[in-house]
Amino acid sequence: MNRAVVQNILDFLTGVSWAVVAIGAFFFFSVFYKFGIGVASIAAFFGMIFGFILVSIFESMKVHIQNQEELQKQTLLLQEILETLNSEKLSDN
């Protein structure tokens, strides 16, 4: 699959995960509001945890893909340097 498509999908899923954070916080806060603001705030925090886990997973996937792209660029540069050094050694003899 094209890397741009994968990046767009991961960006979309990250946005959806942030929406899950907001919806989870709102839902748990509204359900537990009848027990008081303190309990509702703690429940909202627990409601956000699943969304935060999803955000962390998708962000780490994006970082891993960027890392792989950088490693490929570095490998190409190192191969070019090696070829240049090898051609210079051959021309010196």
Protein backbone atom coordinates (compact mmCIF):
# COMPACT_ATOMS: atom_id res chain seq x y z
CA MET A 1 0.00 0.00 0.00
CA ASN A 2 1.18 3.52 -0.68
CA ARG A 3 2.82 5.24 2.29
CA ALA A 4 0.71 8.36 1.85
CA VAL A 5 -2.44 6.26 2.11
CA VAL A 6 -1.15 4.57 5.26
CA GLN A 7 -0.24 7.95 6.78
CA ASN A 8 -3.73 9.29 5.97
CA ILE A 9 -5.39 6.25 7.52
CA LEU A 10 -3.27 6.56 10.67
CA ASP A 11 -4.05 10.29 10.89
CA PHE A 12 -7.76 9.53 10.56
CA LEU A 13 -7.61 6.81 13.22
CA THR A 14 -5.71 9.15 15.53
CA GLY A 15 -8.47 11.73 15.13
CA VAL A 16 -11.12 9.10 15.82
CA SER A 17 -9.19 8.09 18.94
CA TRP A 18 -9.23 11.68 20.18
CA ALA A 19 -12.99 11.69 19.61
CA VAL A 20 -13.22 8.48 21.69
CA VAL A 21 -11.34 10.32 24.46
CA ALA A 22 -13.82 13.20 24.39
CA ILE A 23 -16.90 10.99 24.13
CA GLY A 24 -15.68 8.67 26.88
CA ALA A 25 -15.02 11.58 29.20
CA PHE A 26 -18.41 13.15 28.50
CA PHE A 27 -20.30 9.87 28.82
CA PHE A 28 -18.71 8.79 32.09
CA PHE A 29 -18.95 12.30 33.55
CA SER A 30 -22.64 12.55 32.70
CA VAL A 31 -23.42 9.07 34.07
CA PHE A 32 -21.59 9.61 37.37
CA TYR A 33 -22.57 13.28 37.84
CA LYS A 34 -25.42 12.26 40.16
CA PHE A 35 -22.79 10.97 42.65
CA GLY A 36 -21.00 14.31 42.78
CA ILE A 37 -18.47 16.36 40.83
CA GLY A 38 -15.44 14.60 42.32
CA VAL A 39 -16.66 11.11 41.50
CA ALA A 40 -17.77 12.28 38.05
CA SER A 41 -14.32 13.77 37.37
CA ILE A 42 -12.58 10.55 38.37
CA ALA A 43 -15.01 8.54 36.24
CA ALA A 44 -14.37 10.88 33.28
CA PHE A 45 -10.65 10.25 33.66
CA PHE A 46 -11.22 6.49 33.55
CA GLY A 47 -13.50 6.99 30.56
CA MET A 48 -10.65 8.67 28.68
CA ILE A 49 -8.11 5.90 29.26
CA PHE A 50 -9.23 3.67 26.35
CA GLY A 51 -9.03 6.58 23.92
CA PHE A 52 -5.58 7.57 25.20
CA ILE A 53 -4.38 4.00 24.68
CA LEU A 54 -5.61 4.12 21.08
CA VAL A 55 -3.96 7.50 20.50
CA SER A 56 -0.68 6.13 21.87
CA ILE A 57 -0.84 3.06 19.61
CA PHE A 58 -1.53 5.03 16.43
CA GLU A 59 1.06 7.71 17.22
CA SER A 60 3.70 5.05 17.88
CA MET A 61 2.84 3.44 14.54
CA LYS A 62 3.32 6.79 12.80
CA VAL A 63 6.67 7.31 14.52
CA HIS A 64 7.77 3.81 13.53
CA ILE A 65 6.89 4.46 9.88
CA GLN A 66 8.77 7.78 9.92
CA ASN A 67 11.76 6.05 11.50
CA GLN A 68 11.76 3.39 8.77
CA GLU A 69 11.63 6.07 6.07
CA GLU A 70 14.60 7.88 7.61
CA LEU A 71 16.56 4.64 7.88
CA GLN A 72 15.94 3.93 4.20
CA LYS A 73 17.17 7.42 3.27
CA GLN A 74 20.27 6.95 5.40
CA THR A 75 20.94 3.55 3.84
CA LEU A 76 20.78 5.03 0.35
CA LEU A 77 23.17 7.82 1.34
CA LEU A 78 25.60 5.36 2.88
CA GLN A 79 25.50 3.19 -0.24
CA GLU A 80 26.26 6.24 -2.40
CA ILE A 81 29.17 7.15 -0.14
CA LEU A 82 30.49 3.61 -0.32
CA GLU A 83 30.24 3.58 -4.11
CA THR A 84 32.03 6.92 -4.29
CA LEU A 85 34.80 5.71 -2.02
CA ASN A 86 35.17 2.48 -3.97
CA SER A 87 35.36 4.33 -7.30
CA GLU A 88 37.98 6.70 -5.91
CA LYS A 89 40.10 3.79 -4.66
CA LEU A 90 39.90 2.10 -8.05
CA SER A 91 40.86 5.29 -9.87
CA ASP A 92 43.85 5.87 -7.57
CA ASN A 93 45.45 2.57 -8.56
